[in-house]
N, C-alpha and C. Protein backbone atom coordinates (compact mmCIF):
# COMPACT_ATOMS: atom_id res chain seq x y z
N MET A 1 159.01 -110.53 65.09
CA MET A 1 158.02 -109.73 65.07
C MET A 1 157.23 -111.00 66.37
N ALA A 2 156.61 -110.41 66.96
CA ALA A 2 155.76 -111.02 67.77
C ALA A 2 154.21 -111.46 67.08
N GLU A 3 154.19 -112.87 67.89
CA GLU A 3 152.54 -113.48 66.52
C GLU A 3 151.27 -112.80 67.37
N ASN A 4 150.68 -112.13 66.52
CA ASN A 4 149.49 -111.92 66.72
C ASN A 4 147.95 -112.81 66.95
N ARG A 5 148.29 -113.37 67.64
CA ARG A 5 146.92 -114.00 67.99
C ARG A 5 145.55 -113.65 68.76
N GLU A 6 144.40 -114.07 67.83
CA GLU A 6 143.00 -113.83 68.31
C GLU A 6 143.08 -114.18 70.19
N ASN A 7 142.74 -113.14 70.59
CA ASN A 7 142.49 -112.86 71.94
C ASN A 7 140.86 -113.24 72.74
N VAL A 8 141.01 -114.77 73.48
CA VAL A 8 139.58 -114.79 74.40
C VAL A 8 139.29 -114.27 75.82
N VAL A 9 138.88 -113.64 75.68
CA VAL A 9 138.65 -112.86 77.07
C VAL A 9 137.44 -113.75 78.16
N MET A 10 137.59 -113.72 79.26
CA MET A 10 136.77 -114.82 80.26
C MET A 10 136.27 -114.45 81.10
N PHE A 11 135.16 -114.12 82.04
CA PHE A 11 134.98 -113.86 82.73
C PHE A 11 133.94 -114.19 83.66
N PRO A 12 134.38 -115.14 84.99
CA PRO A 12 133.19 -115.45 85.42
C PRO A 12 132.68 -114.94 86.69
N PHE A 13 132.13 -115.40 87.24
CA PHE A 13 130.91 -114.99 88.75
C PHE A 13 132.55 -115.45 89.89
N MET A 14 132.54 -114.36 90.76
CA MET A 14 133.20 -115.20 91.54
C MET A 14 132.45 -116.24 92.55
N ALA A 15 132.58 -117.31 92.36
CA ALA A 15 132.38 -118.63 93.27
C ALA A 15 132.98 -119.75 92.40
N GLN A 16 133.96 -120.62 93.36
CA GLN A 16 134.42 -121.48 93.46
C GLN A 16 133.70 -122.40 92.05
N GLY A 17 132.12 -122.42 92.22
CA GLY A 17 131.80 -123.44 91.24
C GLY A 17 131.79 -122.73 89.50
N HIS A 18 131.64 -121.56 89.45
CA HIS A 18 131.72 -120.98 88.31
C HIS A 18 133.39 -120.46 87.61
N ILE A 19 134.19 -120.69 88.77
CA ILE A 19 135.56 -119.96 88.34
C ILE A 19 136.05 -121.41 87.67
N ILE A 20 135.91 -122.32 88.38
CA ILE A 20 136.81 -123.95 88.17
C ILE A 20 136.60 -124.30 86.82
N PRO A 21 135.11 -124.51 86.25
CA PRO A 21 134.54 -124.72 85.07
C PRO A 21 135.29 -123.47 84.12
N PHE A 22 135.39 -122.52 84.10
CA PHE A 22 136.11 -120.84 83.49
C PHE A 22 137.12 -122.15 83.28
N LEU A 23 138.24 -122.24 84.24
CA LEU A 23 139.40 -122.56 84.37
C LEU A 23 139.51 -123.85 82.92
N ALA A 24 138.98 -124.68 83.62
CA ALA A 24 138.97 -125.76 83.14
C ALA A 24 138.26 -125.25 81.36
N LEU A 25 137.46 -124.55 80.69
CA LEU A 25 137.40 -124.27 79.80
C LEU A 25 138.41 -123.46 79.30
N ALA A 26 139.30 -122.70 79.57
CA ALA A 26 140.42 -121.81 79.32
C ALA A 26 141.50 -123.04 79.08
N LEU A 27 141.92 -123.87 79.73
CA LEU A 27 143.33 -124.71 79.44
C LEU A 27 142.38 -125.48 78.72
N HIS A 28 141.02 -125.73 78.08
CA HIS A 28 140.99 -126.27 76.72
C HIS A 28 141.09 -126.11 76.01
N ILE A 29 141.12 -124.99 75.67
CA ILE A 29 141.26 -123.74 74.33
C ILE A 29 142.40 -123.60 74.54
N GLU A 30 143.30 -122.91 75.38
CA GLU A 30 144.78 -122.78 75.76
C GLU A 30 144.92 -124.17 74.32
N LYS A 31 145.09 -125.18 75.12
CA LYS A 31 145.55 -126.45 75.00
C LYS A 31 145.04 -126.76 73.16
N THR A 32 144.03 -126.93 72.62
CA THR A 32 143.19 -126.85 71.14
C THR A 32 143.77 -126.36 70.42
N ARG A 33 143.48 -124.84 70.65
CA ARG A 33 143.69 -123.31 69.86
C ARG A 33 144.94 -122.97 70.18
N ASN A 34 145.25 -122.19 68.97
CA ASN A 34 145.88 -120.87 68.94
C ASN A 34 145.88 -119.65 69.45
N TYR A 35 144.94 -119.99 70.61
CA TYR A 35 143.97 -118.39 71.04
C TYR A 35 145.11 -117.62 72.15
N LYS A 36 145.16 -116.48 72.81
CA LYS A 36 145.50 -115.95 74.01
C LYS A 36 144.27 -115.83 74.35
N ILE A 37 144.08 -116.10 75.83
CA ILE A 37 143.44 -115.99 76.61
C ILE A 37 143.79 -115.08 78.03
N THR A 38 142.47 -114.50 78.34
CA THR A 38 142.69 -113.68 79.24
C THR A 38 141.85 -113.70 79.83
N PHE A 39 142.09 -113.83 81.51
CA PHE A 39 141.32 -114.61 82.83
C PHE A 39 141.19 -113.59 83.19
N VAL A 40 139.55 -112.70 83.76
CA VAL A 40 139.78 -111.95 84.46
C VAL A 40 138.70 -112.39 85.75
N ASN A 41 138.88 -111.82 86.65
CA ASN A 41 138.65 -111.60 88.27
C ASN A 41 138.86 -110.68 88.67
N THR A 42 138.37 -111.20 90.23
CA THR A 42 138.72 -109.76 91.32
C THR A 42 140.25 -110.21 91.97
N PRO A 43 141.15 -109.20 92.10
CA PRO A 43 142.01 -110.00 92.73
C PRO A 43 142.57 -110.53 93.47
N LEU A 44 141.71 -111.06 95.01
CA LEU A 44 141.72 -112.33 95.53
C LEU A 44 141.30 -113.69 95.20
N ASN A 45 141.00 -113.71 94.16
CA ASN A 45 140.46 -114.64 93.13
C ASN A 45 141.55 -115.36 92.24
N ILE A 46 141.74 -114.11 91.80
CA ILE A 46 143.00 -114.11 90.99
C ILE A 46 144.53 -114.38 91.33
N LYS A 47 144.68 -114.33 92.93
CA LYS A 47 145.79 -114.66 93.56
C LYS A 47 145.78 -116.17 93.94
N LYS A 48 144.17 -116.78 93.74
CA LYS A 48 144.50 -118.26 94.74
C LYS A 48 144.49 -118.96 92.81
N LEU A 49 144.08 -118.19 92.16
CA LEU A 49 144.31 -118.57 90.50
C LEU A 49 145.29 -118.94 89.87
N ARG A 50 146.57 -117.92 90.61
CA ARG A 50 147.91 -118.24 90.11
C ARG A 50 148.22 -119.81 90.21
N SER A 51 148.44 -120.25 91.56
CA SER A 51 148.69 -122.06 92.08
C SER A 51 148.23 -122.47 91.18
N SER A 52 146.80 -122.37 90.80
CA SER A 52 146.24 -123.24 89.60
C SER A 52 146.49 -124.28 88.08
N LEU A 53 147.42 -122.68 87.74
CA LEU A 53 147.98 -122.59 85.86
C LEU A 53 148.99 -123.28 86.18
N PRO A 54 149.02 -124.41 85.22
CA PRO A 54 150.46 -125.26 85.00
C PRO A 54 151.45 -124.30 84.74
N PRO A 55 152.58 -124.99 84.85
CA PRO A 55 153.38 -123.59 84.64
C PRO A 55 153.80 -123.33 83.42
N ASN A 56 153.68 -123.87 82.19
CA ASN A 56 153.66 -123.31 81.19
C ASN A 56 152.58 -122.91 80.46
N SER A 57 151.42 -122.59 81.59
CA SER A 57 149.92 -121.94 80.53
C SER A 57 150.46 -120.91 80.33
N SER A 58 150.15 -120.17 79.37
CA SER A 58 150.11 -118.75 78.78
C SER A 58 148.80 -117.94 79.21
N ILE A 59 148.10 -118.66 79.45
CA ILE A 59 146.98 -117.64 80.19
C ILE A 59 147.02 -116.29 81.15
N GLN A 60 146.62 -115.26 80.64
CA GLN A 60 147.26 -114.06 81.41
C GLN A 60 145.72 -113.83 82.31
N LEU A 61 146.22 -113.54 83.69
CA LEU A 61 144.96 -113.07 84.40
C LEU A 61 145.33 -111.73 84.77
N LEU A 62 144.30 -111.28 84.61
CA LEU A 62 144.05 -110.02 84.96
C LEU A 62 142.75 -109.39 86.12
N GLU A 63 143.18 -108.58 87.40
CA GLU A 63 142.15 -108.36 88.21
C GLU A 63 141.40 -107.10 87.80
N ILE A 64 140.36 -107.53 88.60
CA ILE A 64 139.60 -106.43 87.95
C ILE A 64 139.09 -105.44 89.25
N PRO A 65 139.28 -104.48 89.44
CA PRO A 65 139.37 -103.79 91.05
C PRO A 65 137.74 -103.98 91.56
N PHE A 66 137.59 -104.42 92.97
CA PHE A 66 136.68 -104.73 93.81
C PHE A 66 136.64 -104.78 95.24
N ASN A 67 136.03 -103.53 95.74
CA ASN A 67 136.03 -103.69 97.32
C ASN A 67 134.80 -103.82 97.91
N SER A 68 134.61 -105.16 98.47
CA SER A 68 133.50 -105.83 99.08
C SER A 68 133.16 -104.46 100.05
N SER A 69 133.85 -103.96 100.61
CA SER A 69 133.11 -103.40 102.11
C SER A 69 132.71 -102.17 101.13
N ASP A 70 132.91 -101.26 99.90
CA ASP A 70 131.89 -100.33 99.57
C ASP A 70 130.26 -101.25 98.94
N HIS A 71 130.25 -102.56 99.04
CA HIS A 71 128.67 -103.01 99.02
C HIS A 71 128.09 -103.69 99.89
N GLY A 72 128.46 -102.86 101.15
CA GLY A 72 127.80 -103.77 102.34
C GLY A 72 128.68 -104.99 102.83
N LEU A 73 129.76 -105.61 101.77
CA LEU A 73 130.26 -107.27 101.99
C LEU A 73 130.91 -106.67 103.38
N PRO A 74 131.17 -108.08 103.97
CA PRO A 74 132.71 -107.78 104.88
C PRO A 74 133.42 -107.68 104.21
N PRO A 75 134.93 -106.94 105.03
CA PRO A 75 135.88 -107.27 104.14
C PRO A 75 136.68 -108.00 103.19
N ASN A 76 137.52 -107.96 102.74
CA ASN A 76 138.18 -109.64 101.86
C ASN A 76 136.97 -110.56 101.21
N THR A 77 135.81 -110.12 101.09
CA THR A 77 134.86 -111.20 100.79
C THR A 77 134.70 -110.46 99.46
N GLU A 78 135.55 -111.31 98.19
CA GLU A 78 135.42 -111.41 96.85
C GLU A 78 134.99 -112.91 96.32
N ASN A 79 134.59 -113.60 97.10
CA ASN A 79 134.26 -115.01 95.97
C ASN A 79 132.97 -115.72 97.26
N CYS A 80 132.25 -116.87 96.66
CA CYS A 80 131.15 -117.03 97.47
C CYS A 80 131.57 -118.38 98.53
N ASP A 81 132.93 -118.32 98.80
CA ASP A 81 133.54 -119.64 99.45
C ASP A 81 133.91 -118.94 101.10
N VAL A 82 133.82 -117.83 100.95
CA VAL A 82 133.82 -116.72 102.14
C VAL A 82 132.75 -115.99 102.54
N VAL A 83 132.21 -115.59 101.98
CA VAL A 83 130.48 -114.62 102.17
C VAL A 83 129.83 -115.34 102.47
N PRO A 84 129.49 -114.66 104.03
CA PRO A 84 128.87 -115.72 104.65
C PRO A 84 126.78 -115.76 103.58
N TYR A 85 126.59 -116.47 103.80
CA TYR A 85 125.25 -116.97 103.36
C TYR A 85 124.43 -116.05 103.04
N GLN A 86 124.24 -115.55 103.84
CA GLN A 86 123.28 -113.90 103.95
C GLN A 86 123.93 -112.92 103.12
N PHE A 87 124.97 -113.39 102.70
CA PHE A 87 125.87 -111.93 101.56
C PHE A 87 126.20 -112.36 100.43
N VAL A 88 125.67 -113.96 100.03
CA VAL A 88 125.26 -114.68 98.21
C VAL A 88 124.84 -113.13 97.62
N ILE A 89 123.88 -113.16 97.72
CA ILE A 89 122.47 -112.34 96.81
C ILE A 89 123.61 -110.59 96.80
N LYS A 90 124.22 -110.36 98.00
CA LYS A 90 124.92 -108.64 97.86
C LYS A 90 126.07 -108.78 96.99
N LEU A 91 126.59 -110.19 96.51
CA LEU A 91 128.08 -110.19 96.05
C LEU A 91 127.38 -110.01 94.99
N LEU A 92 126.19 -111.24 94.14
CA LEU A 92 125.47 -110.91 92.77
C LEU A 92 125.24 -109.89 92.46
N GLU A 93 124.27 -108.89 93.11
CA GLU A 93 123.92 -107.34 92.99
C GLU A 93 125.35 -106.52 92.61
N ALA A 94 126.33 -106.87 93.68
CA ALA A 94 128.00 -106.06 93.61
C ALA A 94 128.48 -106.63 92.26
N SER A 95 128.61 -107.49 91.69
CA SER A 95 129.08 -108.27 90.50
C SER A 95 128.53 -107.01 89.60
N ALA A 96 127.00 -106.60 89.60
CA ALA A 96 126.63 -105.99 88.49
C ALA A 96 127.69 -104.44 88.28
N THR A 97 128.28 -104.01 89.47
CA THR A 97 129.01 -102.64 89.35
C THR A 97 129.84 -102.39 89.10
N LEU A 98 130.87 -103.63 88.70
CA LEU A 98 131.90 -104.18 87.66
C LEU A 98 131.65 -103.78 86.05
N THR A 99 130.60 -103.38 85.38
CA THR A 99 130.84 -103.26 84.29
C THR A 99 131.38 -101.93 83.68
N PRO A 100 131.21 -100.74 84.24
CA PRO A 100 132.33 -100.41 83.82
C PRO A 100 133.63 -100.44 84.34
N VAL A 101 134.00 -100.90 85.13
CA VAL A 101 135.39 -101.18 84.88
C VAL A 101 136.05 -102.16 83.83
N PHE A 102 135.16 -103.20 83.71
CA PHE A 102 135.30 -104.17 82.85
C PHE A 102 135.31 -103.83 81.31
N LYS A 103 134.41 -102.61 80.97
CA LYS A 103 134.91 -101.93 79.63
C LYS A 103 135.68 -101.34 79.90
N ASP A 104 136.80 -100.78 80.49
CA ASP A 104 137.64 -99.64 80.45
C ASP A 104 138.25 -101.14 80.46
N LEU A 105 138.90 -102.53 81.18
CA LEU A 105 139.76 -103.61 80.40
C LEU A 105 139.61 -103.82 78.94
N ILE A 106 138.75 -103.93 78.50
CA ILE A 106 138.21 -104.57 77.35
C ILE A 106 139.13 -103.49 75.84
N GLN A 107 138.63 -102.09 76.24
CA GLN A 107 138.99 -100.96 75.34
C GLN A 107 140.47 -100.76 75.44
N ASP A 108 141.36 -101.07 76.60
CA ASP A 108 142.09 -101.25 76.84
C ASP A 108 143.34 -101.97 76.21
N ILE A 109 142.89 -103.06 76.52
CA ILE A 109 142.94 -104.40 75.52
C ILE A 109 143.22 -104.17 74.15
N ILE A 110 141.96 -103.66 73.55
CA ILE A 110 141.85 -103.16 72.08
C ILE A 110 142.92 -102.32 71.64
N LEU A 111 143.14 -101.65 72.81
CA LEU A 111 144.39 -100.05 72.31
C LEU A 111 145.82 -100.62 72.29
N LYS A 112 145.95 -101.43 73.51
CA LYS A 112 147.24 -102.48 73.60
C LYS A 112 146.97 -103.45 72.32
N GLN A 113 146.21 -103.39 71.63
CA GLN A 113 146.12 -105.08 70.54
C GLN A 113 146.12 -103.63 69.34
N ASN A 114 146.18 -102.69 69.13
CA ASN A 114 146.45 -101.73 67.70
C ASN A 114 145.10 -101.69 67.14
N GLY A 115 143.88 -101.74 67.98
CA GLY A 115 142.55 -101.52 67.66
C GLY A 115 142.07 -102.76 67.27
N GLN A 116 142.84 -103.76 67.63
CA GLN A 116 142.35 -105.27 67.50
C GLN A 116 141.29 -105.41 67.89
N ARG A 117 139.96 -105.62 68.12
CA ARG A 117 139.04 -106.14 69.38
C ARG A 117 139.75 -108.12 69.69
N PRO A 118 139.15 -108.21 70.90
CA PRO A 118 139.28 -109.56 71.45
C PRO A 118 138.10 -110.14 70.45
N LEU A 119 138.66 -111.39 70.28
CA LEU A 119 137.41 -112.93 69.44
C LEU A 119 136.15 -113.15 69.75
N CYS A 120 136.21 -113.08 71.30
CA CYS A 120 134.99 -113.01 72.02
C CYS A 120 135.17 -112.81 73.41
N LEU A 121 134.06 -112.18 74.29
CA LEU A 121 134.12 -112.27 75.28
C LEU A 121 133.24 -113.37 75.50
N ILE A 122 134.02 -114.20 76.59
CA ILE A 122 132.72 -115.63 76.99
C ILE A 122 132.26 -114.96 78.78
N GLY A 123 131.27 -114.88 79.33
CA GLY A 123 130.69 -114.55 80.73
C GLY A 123 130.27 -115.31 81.47
N ASP A 124 129.71 -115.10 82.40
CA ASP A 124 128.87 -115.86 82.71
C ASP A 124 127.71 -115.86 83.21
N ILE A 125 127.02 -116.76 83.53
CA ILE A 125 125.11 -117.02 83.07
C ILE A 125 124.64 -116.08 84.09
N PHE A 126 125.35 -115.37 85.13
CA PHE A 126 125.18 -114.04 85.81
C PHE A 126 125.09 -113.24 85.43
N PHE A 127 126.16 -113.02 84.47
CA PHE A 127 126.19 -111.50 84.25
C PHE A 127 126.29 -111.08 82.74
N GLY A 128 124.52 -110.69 82.43
CA GLY A 128 124.01 -110.67 81.73
C GLY A 128 123.92 -109.43 81.44
N TRP A 129 124.64 -108.32 81.78
CA TRP A 129 125.29 -106.82 81.64
C TRP A 129 126.29 -107.16 80.67
N MET A 130 126.65 -108.28 80.59
CA MET A 130 128.13 -108.02 79.79
C MET A 130 127.48 -108.30 77.83
N SER A 131 126.10 -108.69 77.63
CA SER A 131 125.68 -108.90 76.38
C SER A 131 125.98 -107.58 75.73
N GLY A 132 125.13 -106.87 76.56
CA GLY A 132 125.22 -105.23 76.10
C GLY A 132 126.23 -104.45 75.55
N LEU A 133 127.51 -105.12 76.71
CA LEU A 133 128.35 -104.02 76.53
C LEU A 133 129.30 -104.71 75.61
N ALA A 134 129.25 -106.21 75.12
CA ALA A 134 130.32 -106.60 74.18
C ALA A 134 129.50 -106.56 72.74
N GLN A 135 128.12 -105.81 72.60
CA GLN A 135 127.52 -104.96 71.48
C GLN A 135 127.54 -103.65 71.27
N GLU A 136 127.70 -103.24 72.15
CA GLU A 136 128.61 -101.78 72.22
C GLU A 136 129.85 -101.57 71.79
N LEU A 137 130.81 -102.30 71.85
CA LEU A 137 131.79 -103.08 72.08
C LEU A 137 132.42 -103.42 70.63
N GLY A 138 131.37 -103.69 69.92
CA GLY A 138 131.83 -104.35 68.55
C GLY A 138 132.57 -105.63 69.12
N VAL A 139 131.94 -106.50 70.08
CA VAL A 139 132.90 -107.90 70.06
C VAL A 139 131.83 -108.84 70.62
N PHE A 140 131.69 -110.22 70.17
CA PHE A 140 131.34 -111.41 69.82
C PHE A 140 130.80 -111.29 71.49
N HIS A 141 130.17 -112.00 71.85
CA HIS A 141 129.50 -112.89 73.11
C HIS A 141 129.40 -113.94 73.29
N ALA A 142 129.86 -114.68 74.38
CA ALA A 142 129.40 -115.85 74.69
C ALA A 142 129.35 -116.34 76.39
N VAL A 143 127.86 -116.99 76.07
CA VAL A 143 127.40 -117.06 78.16
C VAL A 143 127.78 -118.61 78.08
N PHE A 144 128.52 -119.01 79.43
CA PHE A 144 129.31 -120.01 79.68
C PHE A 144 128.41 -120.13 80.92
N SER A 145 128.25 -121.84 81.25
CA SER A 145 127.75 -122.28 82.27
C SER A 145 128.03 -123.46 82.76
N GLY A 146 128.99 -123.96 83.78
CA GLY A 146 129.26 -125.02 83.95
C GLY A 146 128.52 -125.78 84.58
N SER A 147 127.29 -125.72 84.67
CA SER A 147 126.49 -126.57 85.12
C SER A 147 125.71 -127.24 84.13
N GLY A 148 124.94 -128.78 84.37
CA GLY A 148 124.48 -129.61 83.80
C GLY A 148 123.32 -128.93 83.54
N GLY A 149 122.76 -129.57 81.76
CA GLY A 149 121.33 -129.38 81.48
C GLY A 149 120.17 -129.27 82.19
N PHE A 150 120.43 -130.43 82.75
CA PHE A 150 118.90 -129.82 83.87
C PHE A 150 119.08 -129.09 85.31
N GLY A 151 120.35 -128.15 85.42
CA GLY A 151 120.81 -127.86 85.83
C GLY A 151 119.88 -126.28 85.62
N LEU A 152 120.71 -125.84 84.31
CA LEU A 152 120.00 -124.81 83.70
C LEU A 152 118.34 -124.50 83.10
N GLY A 153 118.33 -125.97 82.88
CA GLY A 153 116.51 -126.30 82.83
C GLY A 153 115.67 -125.55 83.77
N CYS A 154 116.22 -126.02 85.34
CA CYS A 154 115.83 -125.55 86.36
C CYS A 154 115.85 -123.63 86.77
N TYR A 155 116.93 -123.63 86.17
CA TYR A 155 117.68 -122.24 86.57
C TYR A 155 116.68 -121.86 85.30
N TYR A 156 116.31 -121.56 84.76
CA TYR A 156 115.06 -120.57 83.47
C TYR A 156 113.88 -120.81 83.92
N SER A 157 113.16 -122.26 83.97
CA SER A 157 111.95 -122.36 84.27
C SER A 157 112.01 -121.40 85.54
N PHE A 158 112.43 -121.61 86.66
CA PHE A 158 112.25 -120.67 88.21
C PHE A 158 112.28 -119.13 87.39
N TRP A 159 113.42 -118.91 86.28
CA TRP A 159 113.50 -117.57 85.98
C TRP A 159 111.88 -117.05 85.37
N LEU A 160 111.57 -117.95 84.34
CA LEU A 160 110.27 -118.01 83.78
C LEU A 160 109.13 -117.53 84.26
N LYS A 161 108.89 -118.82 85.58
CA LYS A 161 107.84 -118.49 86.36
C LYS A 161 107.65 -117.61 86.88
N SER A 162 109.40 -117.22 87.57
CA SER A 162 109.20 -115.84 88.26
C SER A 162 109.02 -114.63 87.77
N SER A 163 108.96 -113.86 86.29
CA SER A 163 108.43 -113.08 85.65
C SER A 163 106.72 -113.26 85.29
N ILE A 164 106.44 -114.55 85.00
CA ILE A 164 105.10 -114.60 85.15
C ILE A 164 104.37 -113.54 86.00
N ILE A 165 104.59 -114.78 86.91
CA ILE A 165 104.53 -113.95 88.67
C ILE A 165 104.13 -112.72 88.53
N LEU A 166 105.51 -111.84 88.22
CA LEU A 166 105.80 -110.56 88.57
C LEU A 166 104.37 -109.76 87.57
N GLU A 167 104.42 -110.32 86.72
CA GLU A 167 103.64 -109.26 85.85
C GLU A 167 102.00 -109.32 86.13
């Protein structure tokens, strides 16, 4: 009989500075816990990630459909490393359109696991939409950021000041 392990689903923003820390966290979880890790991202990012995994890794890489041209981005631009600087905000905005496809992906995981929900969804700090989705699906949600405390403090301060100014 196959072992039924808890599943941790991870989805970083499509940028190397986000994907690399998520991958490091996934490898650490895989090494220290007996959890199944499902790592989600766009097709071109998943293709690049395949060669980064150790040969003995059991991390499952799942592609989420994304067509950059549908969002006014140049063709085959699924990562900040290939997006011209002036399009980075468009890529961030386009990432919010992944919500329904990600929801379908999680529901498919639940179905394939005979109704067992993932233990946790670990989302990127830029994926605020994931919190409501996790709540809707009854799955614990955590936010992960690979930046240090100072960087997060600056980020938080910037958004706090921006919201005060906009009021």
